[in-house]
């Protein structure tokens, strides 16, 4: 889902080498998955192509699926922390929108390509489709727990659960194939405006609610 910065400031040589090795493994795995399909590539083949041992691969990635969703836990924790420590008076929805805009800004022109690669890797793999669905569930669960704790509600109370689901829906929709198709329907110069329109409409519907949206006529 993201890129690890092997040149991150403040890291020692050992840590930088580990990040470089990790990145080399993911780059190799992604290239092979895109070329041959996830289900047709083994961890042993990835290790050989990356010039490391199979044990080294599993030392960085507990499972083969983690090679695709390599930083999902990191992104989830960062998102929850941003909402947990948002400024006084700021709503979770406003914080979520700020996070999405920051991610869009950081991705820049590569956003469409990165999203396209993710969906091409997931493809028709039942394993990866299941992992993707579980990833979004984990995002919701972690955020719901943080919101429930903040407002002194039980872990299974409806308000934090529904709020978390709605907030993660923004993230989930902007990582969807439907969103990718929407962007592709616009020329490259028009894509930033199209992206902003999608985000604005999503936030408007979630923020105002959908109770009165689209009553059936006739």
N, C-alpha and C. Protein backbone atom coordinates (compact mmCIF):
# COMPACT_ATOMS: atom_id res chain seq x y z
N UNK A 1 0.81 -1.21 0.00
CA UNK A 1 0.00 0.00 0.00
C UNK A 1 0.85 1.27 0.00
N UNK A 2 2.04 1.19 0.48
CA UNK A 2 2.85 2.38 0.57
C UNK A 2 4.31 2.08 0.33
N UNK A 3 5.13 3.09 0.50
CA UNK A 3 6.55 2.94 0.25
C UNK A 3 7.32 3.22 1.52
N UNK A 4 8.31 2.37 1.81
CA UNK A 4 9.17 2.58 2.95
C UNK A 4 10.36 3.41 2.51
N UNK A 5 10.74 4.37 3.35
CA UNK A 5 11.81 5.29 2.98
C UNK A 5 13.13 4.80 3.53
N UNK A 6 13.91 4.15 2.68
CA UNK A 6 15.19 3.62 3.12
C UNK A 6 16.18 4.73 3.43
N UNK A 7 15.90 5.94 2.93
CA UNK A 7 16.80 7.06 3.18
C UNK A 7 16.28 7.93 4.31
N UNK A 8 15.36 7.40 5.12
CA UNK A 8 14.74 8.19 6.18
C UNK A 8 15.81 8.77 7.10
N UNK A 9 15.70 10.06 7.40
CA UNK A 9 16.71 10.71 8.24
C UNK A 9 16.67 10.15 9.66
N UNK A 10 17.81 10.13 10.30
CA UNK A 10 17.87 9.69 11.69
C UNK A 10 18.07 8.21 11.86
N UNK A 11 18.03 7.44 10.79
CA UNK A 11 18.23 6.00 10.89
C UNK A 11 19.70 5.65 10.73
N UNK A 12 20.14 4.65 11.49
CA UNK A 12 21.50 4.17 11.37
C UNK A 12 21.68 3.32 10.14
N UNK A 13 22.91 2.95 9.85
CA UNK A 13 23.22 2.17 8.66
C UNK A 13 22.48 0.84 8.66
N UNK A 14 22.43 0.17 9.80
CA UNK A 14 21.77 -1.13 9.90
C UNK A 14 20.28 -1.02 9.57
N UNK A 15 19.65 0.01 10.12
CA UNK A 15 18.21 0.19 9.88
C UNK A 15 17.94 0.54 8.42
N UNK A 16 18.83 1.36 7.83
CA UNK A 16 18.65 1.71 6.43
C UNK A 16 18.82 0.48 5.52
N UNK A 17 19.76 -0.37 5.85
CA UNK A 17 19.97 -1.58 5.07
C UNK A 17 18.75 -2.50 5.17
N UNK A 18 18.16 -2.58 6.35
CA UNK A 18 16.97 -3.41 6.53
C UNK A 18 15.81 -2.88 5.70
N UNK A 19 15.66 -1.56 5.68
CA UNK A 19 14.59 -0.96 4.88
C UNK A 19 14.83 -1.18 3.39
N UNK A 20 16.09 -1.09 2.98
CA UNK A 20 16.41 -1.34 1.58
C UNK A 20 16.11 -2.78 1.19
N UNK A 21 16.44 -3.71 2.07
CA UNK A 21 16.15 -5.12 1.81
C UNK A 21 14.66 -5.36 1.73
N UNK A 22 13.94 -4.77 2.66
CA UNK A 22 12.47 -4.91 2.67
C UNK A 22 11.87 -4.36 1.38
N UNK A 23 12.34 -3.18 0.97
CA UNK A 23 11.81 -2.57 -0.24
C UNK A 23 12.15 -3.40 -1.47
N UNK A 24 13.37 -3.96 -1.50
CA UNK A 24 13.77 -4.79 -2.64
C UNK A 24 12.88 -6.02 -2.75
N UNK A 25 12.52 -6.60 -1.61
CA UNK A 25 11.65 -7.78 -1.61
C UNK A 25 10.26 -7.42 -2.13
N UNK A 26 9.70 -6.32 -1.63
CA UNK A 26 8.35 -5.94 -2.08
C UNK A 26 8.34 -5.54 -3.55
N UNK A 27 9.36 -4.81 -3.99
CA UNK A 27 9.43 -4.43 -5.41
C UNK A 27 9.50 -5.67 -6.30
N UNK A 28 10.30 -6.63 -5.88
CA UNK A 28 10.42 -7.88 -6.65
C UNK A 28 9.11 -8.64 -6.67
N UNK A 29 8.50 -8.77 -5.50
CA UNK A 29 7.23 -9.51 -5.39
C UNK A 29 6.15 -8.85 -6.23
N UNK A 30 6.03 -7.54 -6.14
CA UNK A 30 4.97 -6.83 -6.88
C UNK A 30 5.16 -7.00 -8.39
N UNK A 31 6.39 -6.91 -8.85
CA UNK A 31 6.65 -7.08 -10.28
C UNK A 31 6.26 -8.48 -10.74
N UNK A 32 6.56 -9.48 -9.93
CA UNK A 32 6.22 -10.86 -10.29
C UNK A 32 4.72 -11.10 -10.23
N UNK A 33 4.07 -10.53 -9.22
CA UNK A 33 2.61 -10.69 -9.11
C UNK A 33 1.91 -10.05 -10.31
N UNK A 34 2.38 -8.88 -10.72
CA UNK A 34 1.77 -8.19 -11.85
C UNK A 34 1.99 -8.95 -13.15
N UNK A 35 3.14 -9.57 -13.28
CA UNK A 35 3.46 -10.28 -14.51
C UNK A 35 2.76 -11.63 -14.60
N UNK A 36 2.72 -12.36 -13.50
CA UNK A 36 2.24 -13.75 -13.55
C UNK A 36 0.97 -14.01 -12.75
N UNK A 37 0.59 -13.09 -11.89
CA UNK A 37 -0.56 -13.30 -11.04
C UNK A 37 -0.13 -13.80 -9.67
N UNK A 38 -0.76 -13.30 -8.64
CA UNK A 38 -0.37 -13.61 -7.27
C UNK A 38 -0.32 -15.11 -7.00
N UNK A 39 -1.35 -15.81 -7.42
CA UNK A 39 -1.46 -17.24 -7.10
C UNK A 39 -0.44 -18.10 -7.85
N UNK A 40 0.20 -17.53 -8.85
CA UNK A 40 1.16 -18.30 -9.66
C UNK A 40 2.62 -18.04 -9.28
N UNK A 41 2.83 -17.31 -8.19
CA UNK A 41 4.18 -17.00 -7.74
C UNK A 41 4.37 -17.54 -6.33
N UNK A 42 5.51 -18.19 -6.09
CA UNK A 42 5.80 -18.72 -4.76
C UNK A 42 6.76 -17.80 -4.02
N UNK A 43 6.76 -17.91 -2.71
CA UNK A 43 7.68 -17.12 -1.89
C UNK A 43 9.12 -17.50 -2.22
N UNK A 44 9.36 -18.77 -2.48
CA UNK A 44 10.71 -19.22 -2.83
C UNK A 44 11.20 -18.55 -4.11
N UNK A 45 10.32 -18.37 -5.09
CA UNK A 45 10.69 -17.71 -6.34
C UNK A 45 10.99 -16.23 -6.09
N UNK A 46 10.21 -15.60 -5.22
CA UNK A 46 10.44 -14.20 -4.89
C UNK A 46 11.80 -14.05 -4.21
N UNK A 47 12.08 -14.92 -3.25
CA UNK A 47 13.35 -14.87 -2.53
C UNK A 47 14.52 -15.03 -3.49
N UNK A 48 14.41 -15.97 -4.42
CA UNK A 48 15.49 -16.20 -5.37
C UNK A 48 15.71 -14.97 -6.26
N UNK A 49 14.62 -14.39 -6.73
CA UNK A 49 14.73 -13.22 -7.60
C UNK A 49 15.27 -12.00 -6.86
N UNK A 50 15.02 -11.92 -5.55
CA UNK A 50 15.49 -10.79 -4.75
C UNK A 50 16.86 -11.05 -4.13
N UNK A 51 17.42 -12.24 -4.41
CA UNK A 51 18.74 -12.62 -3.88
C UNK A 51 18.78 -12.66 -2.36
N UNK A 52 17.71 -13.20 -1.77
CA UNK A 52 17.67 -13.42 -0.33
C UNK A 52 17.13 -14.82 -0.09
N UNK A 53 17.19 -15.27 1.15
CA UNK A 53 16.65 -16.58 1.48
C UNK A 53 15.15 -16.48 1.75
N UNK A 54 14.48 -17.63 1.67
CA UNK A 54 13.05 -17.66 2.00
C UNK A 54 12.83 -17.23 3.43
N UNK A 55 13.72 -17.66 4.33
CA UNK A 55 13.61 -17.26 5.74
C UNK A 55 13.70 -15.75 5.90
N UNK A 56 14.52 -15.11 5.07
CA UNK A 56 14.64 -13.65 5.13
C UNK A 56 13.32 -13.00 4.74
N UNK A 57 12.69 -13.53 3.69
CA UNK A 57 11.39 -12.98 3.28
C UNK A 57 10.39 -13.08 4.42
N UNK A 58 10.31 -14.26 5.04
CA UNK A 58 9.34 -14.43 6.13
C UNK A 58 9.77 -13.66 7.39
N UNK A 59 11.05 -13.31 7.47
CA UNK A 59 11.49 -12.48 8.59
C UNK A 59 10.92 -11.07 8.51
N UNK A 60 10.68 -10.62 7.29
CA UNK A 60 10.09 -9.29 7.08
C UNK A 60 8.57 -9.35 6.93
N UNK A 61 8.08 -10.43 6.34
CA UNK A 61 6.66 -10.55 6.03
C UNK A 61 6.13 -11.88 6.56
N UNK A 62 5.28 -11.87 7.59
CA UNK A 62 4.79 -13.11 8.19
C UNK A 62 4.07 -14.04 7.22
N UNK A 63 3.45 -13.47 6.20
CA UNK A 63 2.72 -14.30 5.23
C UNK A 63 2.92 -13.75 3.83
N UNK A 64 2.60 -14.55 2.85
CA UNK A 64 2.73 -14.11 1.46
C UNK A 64 1.82 -12.92 1.18
N UNK A 65 0.63 -12.89 1.77
CA UNK A 65 -0.29 -11.78 1.54
C UNK A 65 0.29 -10.45 2.02
N UNK A 66 1.15 -10.51 3.05
CA UNK A 66 1.74 -9.29 3.58
C UNK A 66 2.67 -8.62 2.57
N UNK A 67 3.08 -9.34 1.56
CA UNK A 67 3.90 -8.75 0.51
C UNK A 67 3.09 -7.75 -0.33
N UNK A 68 1.79 -7.94 -0.37
CA UNK A 68 0.90 -7.01 -1.09
C UNK A 68 0.44 -5.89 -0.17
N UNK A 69 0.00 -6.27 1.04
CA UNK A 69 -0.50 -5.29 2.00
C UNK A 69 0.57 -5.02 3.05
N UNK A 70 1.75 -4.63 2.58
CA UNK A 70 2.92 -4.61 3.44
C UNK A 70 2.89 -3.56 4.54
N UNK A 71 2.16 -2.47 4.36
CA UNK A 71 2.15 -1.46 5.42
C UNK A 71 0.74 -1.13 5.91
N UNK A 72 -0.20 -2.08 5.75
CA UNK A 72 -1.58 -1.81 6.15
C UNK A 72 -1.69 -1.55 7.65
N UNK A 73 -0.95 -2.31 8.46
CA UNK A 73 -1.00 -2.11 9.91
C UNK A 73 -0.45 -0.73 10.28
N UNK A 74 0.62 -0.33 9.62
CA UNK A 74 1.22 0.98 9.87
C UNK A 74 0.25 2.10 9.51
N UNK A 75 -0.41 1.97 8.37
CA UNK A 75 -1.37 2.99 7.94
C UNK A 75 -2.55 3.04 8.91
N UNK A 76 -3.03 1.86 9.31
CA UNK A 76 -4.17 1.79 10.24
C UNK A 76 -3.83 2.47 11.57
N UNK A 77 -2.68 2.16 12.11
CA UNK A 77 -2.29 2.75 13.40
C UNK A 77 -2.12 4.26 13.29
N UNK A 78 -1.54 4.71 12.19
CA UNK A 78 -1.34 6.15 12.00
C UNK A 78 -2.68 6.88 11.89
N UNK A 79 -3.64 6.27 11.18
CA UNK A 79 -4.96 6.88 11.03
C UNK A 79 -5.67 6.97 12.37
N UNK A 80 -5.66 5.89 13.13
CA UNK A 80 -6.33 5.88 14.43
C UNK A 80 -5.69 6.91 15.36
N UNK A 81 -4.37 7.02 15.34
CA UNK A 81 -3.68 7.98 16.19
C UNK A 81 -4.04 9.42 15.81
N UNK A 82 -4.16 9.68 14.51
CA UNK A 82 -4.53 11.03 14.08
C UNK A 82 -5.91 11.41 14.61
N UNK A 83 -6.84 10.48 14.54
CA UNK A 83 -8.20 10.77 15.00
C UNK A 83 -8.24 10.82 16.53
N UNK A 84 -7.49 9.96 17.17
CA UNK A 84 -7.45 9.94 18.64
C UNK A 84 -6.87 11.24 19.19
N UNK A 85 -5.88 11.80 18.51
CA UNK A 85 -5.20 13.01 19.00
C UNK A 85 -5.52 14.24 18.16
N UNK A 86 -6.71 14.28 17.60
CA UNK A 86 -7.11 15.44 16.81
C UNK A 86 -7.24 16.67 17.72
N UNK A 87 -7.14 17.86 17.16
CA UNK A 87 -7.21 19.08 17.97
C UNK A 87 -8.58 19.26 18.62
N UNK A 88 -8.64 19.96 19.74
CA UNK A 88 -9.93 20.25 20.39
C UNK A 88 -10.89 20.93 19.43
N UNK A 89 -12.11 20.47 19.45
CA UNK A 89 -13.14 21.06 18.59
C UNK A 89 -13.22 20.46 17.21
N UNK A 90 -12.26 19.62 16.83
CA UNK A 90 -12.26 19.02 15.49
C UNK A 90 -12.97 17.68 15.52
N UNK A 91 -13.84 17.45 14.55
CA UNK A 91 -14.59 16.20 14.49
C UNK A 91 -13.76 15.10 13.83
N UNK A 92 -14.10 13.84 14.11
CA UNK A 92 -13.42 12.74 13.43
C UNK A 92 -13.54 12.83 11.91
N UNK A 93 -14.70 13.29 11.42
CA UNK A 93 -14.90 13.40 9.97
C UNK A 93 -13.93 14.42 9.38
N UNK A 94 -13.77 15.56 10.02
CA UNK A 94 -12.86 16.57 9.50
C UNK A 94 -11.42 16.07 9.50
N UNK A 95 -11.06 15.34 10.54
CA UNK A 95 -9.70 14.78 10.59
C UNK A 95 -9.50 13.76 9.48
N UNK A 96 -10.50 12.92 9.23
CA UNK A 96 -10.40 11.92 8.19
C UNK A 96 -10.21 12.58 6.83
N UNK A 97 -10.95 13.62 6.58
CA UNK A 97 -10.82 14.34 5.31
C UNK A 97 -9.41 14.93 5.17
N UNK A 98 -8.89 15.48 6.26
CA UNK A 98 -7.53 16.05 6.23
C UNK A 98 -6.50 14.96 5.92
N UNK A 99 -6.68 13.79 6.52
CA UNK A 99 -5.77 12.67 6.28
C UNK A 99 -5.82 12.25 4.82
N UNK A 100 -7.02 12.14 4.26
CA UNK A 100 -7.16 11.73 2.87
C UNK A 100 -6.50 12.75 1.94
N UNK A 101 -6.69 14.02 2.22
CA UNK A 101 -6.08 15.05 1.36
C UNK A 101 -4.55 15.00 1.45
N UNK A 102 -4.03 14.72 2.64
CA UNK A 102 -2.58 14.60 2.79
C UNK A 102 -2.06 13.41 1.98
N UNK A 103 -2.77 12.28 2.05
CA UNK A 103 -2.35 11.09 1.31
C UNK A 103 -2.40 11.34 -0.19
N UNK A 104 -3.43 12.05 -0.64
CA UNK A 104 -3.56 12.38 -2.06
C UNK A 104 -2.41 13.28 -2.50
N UNK A 105 -2.09 14.25 -1.65
CA UNK A 105 -1.02 15.19 -1.97
C UNK A 105 0.32 14.46 -2.04
N UNK A 106 0.55 13.54 -1.12
CA UNK A 106 1.81 12.79 -1.10
C UNK A 106 1.93 11.87 -2.31
N UNK A 107 0.80 11.28 -2.72
CA UNK A 107 0.82 10.36 -3.87
C UNK A 107 1.07 11.11 -5.16
N UNK A 108 0.48 12.32 -5.27
CA UNK A 108 0.68 13.14 -6.46
C UNK A 108 0.24 12.43 -7.73
N UNK A 109 0.97 12.62 -8.82
CA UNK A 109 0.60 12.03 -10.11
C UNK A 109 0.61 10.50 -10.13
N UNK A 110 1.30 9.88 -9.15
CA UNK A 110 1.40 8.42 -9.15
C UNK A 110 0.18 7.74 -8.54
N UNK A 111 -0.79 8.51 -8.03
CA UNK A 111 -1.93 7.93 -7.32
C UNK A 111 -2.69 6.93 -8.18
N UNK A 112 -2.97 7.29 -9.43
CA UNK A 112 -3.73 6.39 -10.31
C UNK A 112 -2.93 5.13 -10.59
N UNK A 113 -1.64 5.28 -10.88
CA UNK A 113 -0.80 4.12 -11.16
C UNK A 113 -0.68 3.19 -9.96
N UNK A 114 -0.52 3.76 -8.76
CA UNK A 114 -0.40 2.95 -7.55
C UNK A 114 -1.68 2.16 -7.31
N UNK A 115 -2.82 2.83 -7.47
CA UNK A 115 -4.10 2.17 -7.26
C UNK A 115 -4.34 1.09 -8.30
N UNK A 116 -3.95 1.38 -9.53
CA UNK A 116 -4.09 0.40 -10.60
C UNK A 116 -3.26 -0.85 -10.31
N UNK A 117 -2.03 -0.66 -9.84
CA UNK A 117 -1.18 -1.81 -9.51
C UNK A 117 -1.77 -2.66 -8.40
N UNK A 118 -2.34 -2.00 -7.39
CA UNK A 118 -2.96 -2.75 -6.30
C UNK A 118 -4.08 -3.65 -6.81
N UNK A 119 -4.97 -3.09 -7.63
CA UNK A 119 -6.10 -3.88 -8.11
C UNK A 119 -5.66 -4.95 -9.11
N UNK A 120 -4.62 -4.68 -9.87
CA UNK A 120 -4.11 -5.72 -10.77
C UNK A 120 -3.49 -6.86 -9.98
N UNK A 121 -2.83 -6.55 -8.88
CA UNK A 121 -2.26 -7.61 -8.05
C UNK A 121 -3.34 -8.43 -7.37
N UNK A 122 -4.35 -7.76 -6.84
CA UNK A 122 -5.45 -8.49 -6.19
C UNK A 122 -6.18 -9.34 -7.21
N UNK A 123 -6.49 -8.73 -8.37
CA UNK A 123 -7.10 -9.46 -9.47
C UNK A 123 -8.25 -10.35 -9.04
N UNK A 124 -8.18 -11.61 -9.45
CA UNK A 124 -9.22 -12.59 -9.12
C UNK A 124 -8.79 -13.52 -8.00
N UNK A 125 -7.70 -13.19 -7.32
CA UNK A 125 -7.22 -14.04 -6.24
C UNK A 125 -8.18 -13.99 -5.05
N UNK A 126 -8.78 -15.12 -4.75
CA UNK A 126 -9.70 -15.21 -3.61
C UNK A 126 -8.96 -14.89 -2.31
N UNK A 127 -7.72 -15.35 -2.22
CA UNK A 127 -6.92 -15.10 -1.02
C UNK A 127 -6.74 -13.61 -0.77
N UNK A 128 -6.36 -12.87 -1.81
CA UNK A 128 -6.14 -11.44 -1.64
C UNK A 128 -7.43 -10.66 -1.49
N UNK A 129 -8.49 -11.10 -2.14
CA UNK A 129 -9.78 -10.43 -1.98
C UNK A 129 -10.27 -10.57 -0.53
N UNK A 130 -10.07 -11.76 0.03
CA UNK A 130 -10.45 -11.98 1.43
C UNK A 130 -9.59 -11.15 2.37
N UNK A 131 -8.29 -11.08 2.06
CA UNK A 131 -7.39 -10.30 2.90
C UNK A 131 -7.74 -8.82 2.82
N UNK A 132 -8.11 -8.32 1.65
CA UNK A 132 -8.49 -6.92 1.49
C UNK A 132 -9.73 -6.61 2.31
N UNK A 133 -10.73 -7.50 2.25
CA UNK A 133 -11.95 -7.29 3.03
C UNK A 133 -11.64 -7.30 4.52
N UNK A 134 -10.80 -8.21 4.95
CA UNK A 134 -10.43 -8.28 6.37
C UNK A 134 -9.65 -7.04 6.78
N UNK A 135 -8.83 -6.52 5.89
CA UNK A 135 -8.06 -5.31 6.20
C UNK A 135 -8.99 -4.15 6.54
N UNK A 136 -10.05 -3.97 5.73
CA UNK A 136 -10.98 -2.88 6.01
C UNK A 136 -11.73 -3.13 7.31
N UNK A 137 -12.05 -4.37 7.61
CA UNK A 137 -12.70 -4.69 8.88
C UNK A 137 -11.79 -4.32 10.05
N UNK A 138 -10.50 -4.59 9.92
CA UNK A 138 -9.55 -4.26 10.98
C UNK A 138 -9.43 -2.75 11.16
N UNK A 139 -9.48 -2.01 10.06
CA UNK A 139 -9.47 -0.55 10.14
C UNK A 139 -10.68 -0.08 10.96
N UNK A 140 -11.85 -0.61 10.64
CA UNK A 140 -13.08 -0.23 11.33
C UNK A 140 -13.02 -0.60 12.80
N UNK A 141 -12.59 -1.82 13.09
CA UNK A 141 -12.55 -2.30 14.48
C UNK A 141 -11.62 -1.44 15.33
N UNK A 142 -10.44 -1.13 14.80
CA UNK A 142 -9.47 -0.34 15.57
C UNK A 142 -10.00 1.07 15.83
N UNK A 143 -10.61 1.66 14.80
CA UNK A 143 -11.14 3.01 14.96
C UNK A 143 -12.34 3.02 15.90
N UNK A 144 -13.20 2.03 15.80
CA UNK A 144 -14.37 1.94 16.68
C UNK A 144 -13.93 1.82 18.14
N UNK A 145 -12.90 1.05 18.40
CA UNK A 145 -12.39 0.90 19.77
C UNK A 145 -11.87 2.22 20.31
N UNK A 146 -11.15 2.96 19.47
CA UNK A 146 -10.61 4.25 19.90
C UNK A 146 -11.73 5.25 20.18
N UNK A 147 -12.75 5.28 19.32
CA UNK A 147 -13.87 6.21 19.51
C UNK A 147 -14.70 5.83 20.73
N UNK A 148 -14.91 4.54 20.94
CA UNK A 148 -15.66 4.08 22.10
C UNK A 148 -14.94 4.45 23.39
N UNK A 149 -13.64 4.30 23.38
CA UNK A 149 -12.84 4.67 24.55
C UNK A 149 -12.93 6.16 24.82
N UNK A 150 -12.86 6.96 23.76
CA UNK A 150 -12.91 8.41 23.92
C UNK A 150 -14.22 8.87 24.53
N UNK A 151 -15.33 8.27 24.11
CA UNK A 151 -16.64 8.71 24.56
C UNK A 151 -17.21 7.87 25.70
N UNK A 152 -16.40 6.96 26.24
CA UNK A 152 -16.82 6.19 27.39
C UNK A 152 -17.95 5.21 27.10
N UNK A 153 -17.97 4.69 25.89
CA UNK A 153 -19.00 3.72 25.52
C UNK A 153 -18.41 2.33 25.44
N UNK A 154 -19.28 1.33 25.45
CA UNK A 154 -18.83 -0.05 25.37
C UNK A 154 -18.22 -0.35 24.01
N UNK A 155 -17.39 -1.39 23.93
CA UNK A 155 -16.71 -1.72 22.67
C UNK A 155 -17.65 -2.11 21.55
N UNK A 156 -18.88 -2.50 21.89
CA UNK A 156 -19.83 -2.92 20.85
C UNK A 156 -21.01 -1.95 20.73
N UNK A 157 -20.86 -0.75 21.26
CA UNK A 157 -21.93 0.24 21.18
C UNK A 157 -22.14 0.66 19.73
N UNK A 158 -23.38 0.99 19.37
CA UNK A 158 -23.66 1.30 17.95
C UNK A 158 -23.01 2.58 17.45
N UNK A 159 -22.97 3.64 18.27
CA UNK A 159 -22.47 4.92 17.76
C UNK A 159 -21.02 4.86 17.28
N UNK A 160 -20.08 4.41 18.12
CA UNK A 160 -18.70 4.36 17.62
C UNK A 160 -18.52 3.38 16.48
N UNK A 161 -19.29 2.30 16.47
CA UNK A 161 -19.17 1.31 15.40
C UNK A 161 -19.64 1.87 14.07
N UNK A 162 -20.79 2.54 14.09
CA UNK A 162 -21.34 3.12 12.86
C UNK A 162 -20.46 4.28 12.38
N UNK A 163 -20.00 5.11 13.32
CA UNK A 163 -19.15 6.22 12.95
C UNK A 163 -17.86 5.71 12.31
N UNK A 164 -17.25 4.69 12.91
CA UNK A 164 -16.02 4.13 12.36
C UNK A 164 -16.25 3.57 10.96
N UNK A 165 -17.37 2.87 10.78
CA UNK A 165 -17.67 2.30 9.47
C UNK A 165 -17.84 3.38 8.42
N UNK A 166 -18.47 4.49 8.79
CA UNK A 166 -18.67 5.58 7.85
C UNK A 166 -17.35 6.28 7.51
N UNK A 167 -16.50 6.45 8.50
CA UNK A 167 -15.21 7.10 8.26
C UNK A 167 -14.31 6.24 7.38
N UNK A 168 -14.27 4.95 7.65
CA UNK A 168 -13.43 4.05 6.86
C UNK A 168 -14.00 3.89 5.45
N UNK A 169 -15.32 4.10 5.31
CA UNK A 169 -15.92 4.04 3.98
C UNK A 169 -15.28 5.07 3.05
N UNK A 170 -14.92 6.25 3.57
CA UNK A 170 -14.26 7.25 2.75
C UNK A 170 -12.96 6.69 2.22
N UNK A 171 -12.18 6.10 3.11
CA UNK A 171 -10.90 5.50 2.74
C UNK A 171 -11.12 4.37 1.75
N UNK A 172 -12.08 3.50 2.08
CA UNK A 172 -12.33 2.30 1.28
C UNK A 172 -12.79 2.65 -0.13
N UNK A 173 -13.68 3.63 -0.25
CA UNK A 173 -14.19 4.01 -1.56
C UNK A 173 -13.08 4.62 -2.43
N UNK A 174 -12.16 5.37 -1.80
CA UNK A 174 -11.11 6.01 -2.57
C UNK A 174 -9.95 5.06 -2.86
N UNK A 175 -10.11 3.81 -2.47
CA UNK A 175 -9.15 2.78 -2.86
C UNK A 175 -9.83 1.70 -3.70
N UNK A 176 -11.04 2.02 -4.18
CA UNK A 176 -11.84 1.03 -4.88
C UNK A 176 -11.64 1.07 -6.39
N UNK A 177 -12.03 -0.01 -7.05
CA UNK A 177 -11.97 -0.04 -8.51
C UNK A 177 -12.96 0.94 -9.12
N UNK A 178 -14.06 1.17 -8.43
CA UNK A 178 -15.05 2.12 -8.93
C UNK A 178 -14.45 3.53 -8.98
N UNK A 179 -13.72 3.89 -7.93
CA UNK A 179 -13.06 5.19 -7.90
C UNK A 179 -11.99 5.27 -8.99
N UNK A 180 -11.25 4.19 -9.18
CA UNK A 180 -10.22 4.16 -10.21
C UNK A 180 -10.85 4.36 -11.59
N UNK A 181 -11.98 3.70 -11.84
CA UNK A 181 -12.67 3.88 -13.11
C UNK A 181 -13.16 5.30 -13.31
N UNK A 182 -13.59 5.91 -12.21
CA UNK A 182 -14.05 7.31 -12.27
C UNK A 182 -12.90 8.23 -12.67
N UNK A 183 -11.73 8.02 -12.08
CA UNK A 183 -10.57 8.85 -12.44
C UNK A 183 -10.15 8.63 -13.88
N UNK A 184 -10.17 7.37 -14.31
CA UNK A 184 -9.74 7.06 -15.67
C UNK A 184 -10.67 7.68 -16.72
N UNK A 185 -11.90 7.98 -16.33
CA UNK A 185 -12.85 8.57 -17.26
C UNK A 185 -12.52 10.04 -17.53
N UNK A 186 -11.55 10.59 -16.80
CA UNK A 186 -11.13 11.97 -16.98
C UNK A 186 -9.72 12.02 -17.55
N UNK A 187 -9.43 13.05 -18.28
CA UNK A 187 -8.07 13.22 -18.77
C UNK A 187 -7.14 13.47 -17.58
N UNK A 188 -5.87 13.21 -17.79
CA UNK A 188 -4.92 13.37 -16.67
C UNK A 188 -4.94 14.77 -16.05
N UNK A 189 -4.99 15.85 -16.86
CA UNK A 189 -5.03 17.18 -16.24
C UNK A 189 -6.29 17.41 -15.40
N UNK A 190 -7.39 16.70 -15.75
CA UNK A 190 -8.64 16.90 -15.04
C UNK A 190 -8.79 15.97 -13.84
N UNK A 191 -7.87 15.04 -13.66
CA UNK A 191 -8.01 14.06 -12.58
C UNK A 191 -7.95 14.65 -11.17
N UNK A 192 -7.06 15.61 -10.89
CA UNK A 192 -7.06 16.20 -9.53
C UNK A 192 -8.41 16.80 -9.15
N UNK A 193 -9.05 17.51 -10.09
CA UNK A 193 -10.36 18.09 -9.81
C UNK A 193 -11.41 17.01 -9.65
N UNK A 194 -11.32 15.93 -10.45
CA UNK A 194 -12.27 14.83 -10.34
C UNK A 194 -12.12 14.12 -9.01
N UNK A 195 -10.89 13.97 -8.58
CA UNK A 195 -10.60 13.34 -7.29
C UNK A 195 -11.20 14.16 -6.15
N UNK A 196 -11.02 15.46 -6.22
CA UNK A 196 -11.56 16.35 -5.19
C UNK A 196 -13.08 16.31 -5.19
N UNK A 197 -13.68 16.21 -6.38
CA UNK A 197 -15.15 16.15 -6.46
C UNK A 197 -15.66 14.87 -5.80
N UNK A 198 -14.97 13.75 -6.07
CA UNK A 198 -15.39 12.47 -5.47
C UNK A 198 -15.32 12.56 -3.94
N UNK A 199 -14.23 13.09 -3.43
CA UNK A 199 -14.06 13.22 -1.99
C UNK A 199 -15.12 14.13 -1.40
N UNK A 200 -15.39 15.25 -2.05
CA UNK A 200 -16.36 16.21 -1.54
C UNK A 200 -17.76 15.62 -1.48
N UNK A 201 -18.15 14.89 -2.54
CA UNK A 201 -19.48 14.28 -2.57
C UNK A 201 -19.60 13.22 -1.49
N UNK A 202 -18.55 12.41 -1.33
CA UNK A 202 -18.56 11.36 -0.31
C UNK A 202 -18.71 11.96 1.08
N UNK A 203 -17.93 12.99 1.36
CA UNK A 203 -17.98 13.63 2.67
C UNK A 203 -19.33 14.30 2.90
N UNK A 204 -19.89 14.91 1.85
CA UNK A 204 -21.19 15.56 1.98
C UNK A 204 -22.27 14.56 2.36
N UNK A 205 -22.28 13.42 1.68
CA UNK A 205 -23.30 12.40 1.96
C UNK A 205 -23.13 11.82 3.36
N UNK A 206 -21.90 11.57 3.75
CA UNK A 206 -21.67 11.02 5.07
C UNK A 206 -21.94 12.06 6.15
N UNK A 207 -21.49 13.29 5.90
CA UNK A 207 -21.65 14.34 6.90
C UNK A 207 -23.09 14.74 7.12
N UNK A 208 -23.88 14.80 6.07
CA UNK A 208 -25.28 15.22 6.19
C UNK A 208 -26.23 14.04 6.37
N UNK A 209 -25.74 12.86 6.11
CA UNK A 209 -26.60 11.68 6.23
C UNK A 209 -27.34 11.41 4.93
N UNK A 210 -27.86 10.19 4.79
CA UNK A 210 -28.51 9.80 3.55
C UNK A 210 -30.01 9.55 3.74
N UNK A 211 -30.55 9.98 4.89
CA UNK A 211 -31.96 9.69 5.17
C UNK A 211 -32.89 10.28 4.12
N UNK A 212 -32.56 11.46 3.62
CA UNK A 212 -33.45 12.12 2.65
C UNK A 212 -32.92 12.07 1.22
N UNK A 213 -31.91 11.23 1.00
CA UNK A 213 -31.30 11.18 -0.33
C UNK A 213 -32.07 10.27 -1.27
N UNK A 214 -32.37 10.77 -2.44
CA UNK A 214 -32.94 9.99 -3.55
C UNK A 214 -34.22 9.23 -3.22
N UNK A 215 -35.27 9.93 -2.75
CA UNK A 215 -36.56 9.24 -2.59
C UNK A 215 -37.08 8.84 -3.96
N UNK A 216 -37.70 7.69 -4.02
CA UNK A 216 -38.16 7.19 -5.31
C UNK A 216 -39.34 8.00 -5.82
N UNK A 217 -39.29 8.30 -7.09
CA UNK A 217 -40.38 9.08 -7.70
C UNK A 217 -41.23 8.16 -8.54
N UNK A 218 -42.54 8.25 -8.34
CA UNK A 218 -43.44 7.45 -9.15
C UNK A 218 -43.67 6.06 -8.60
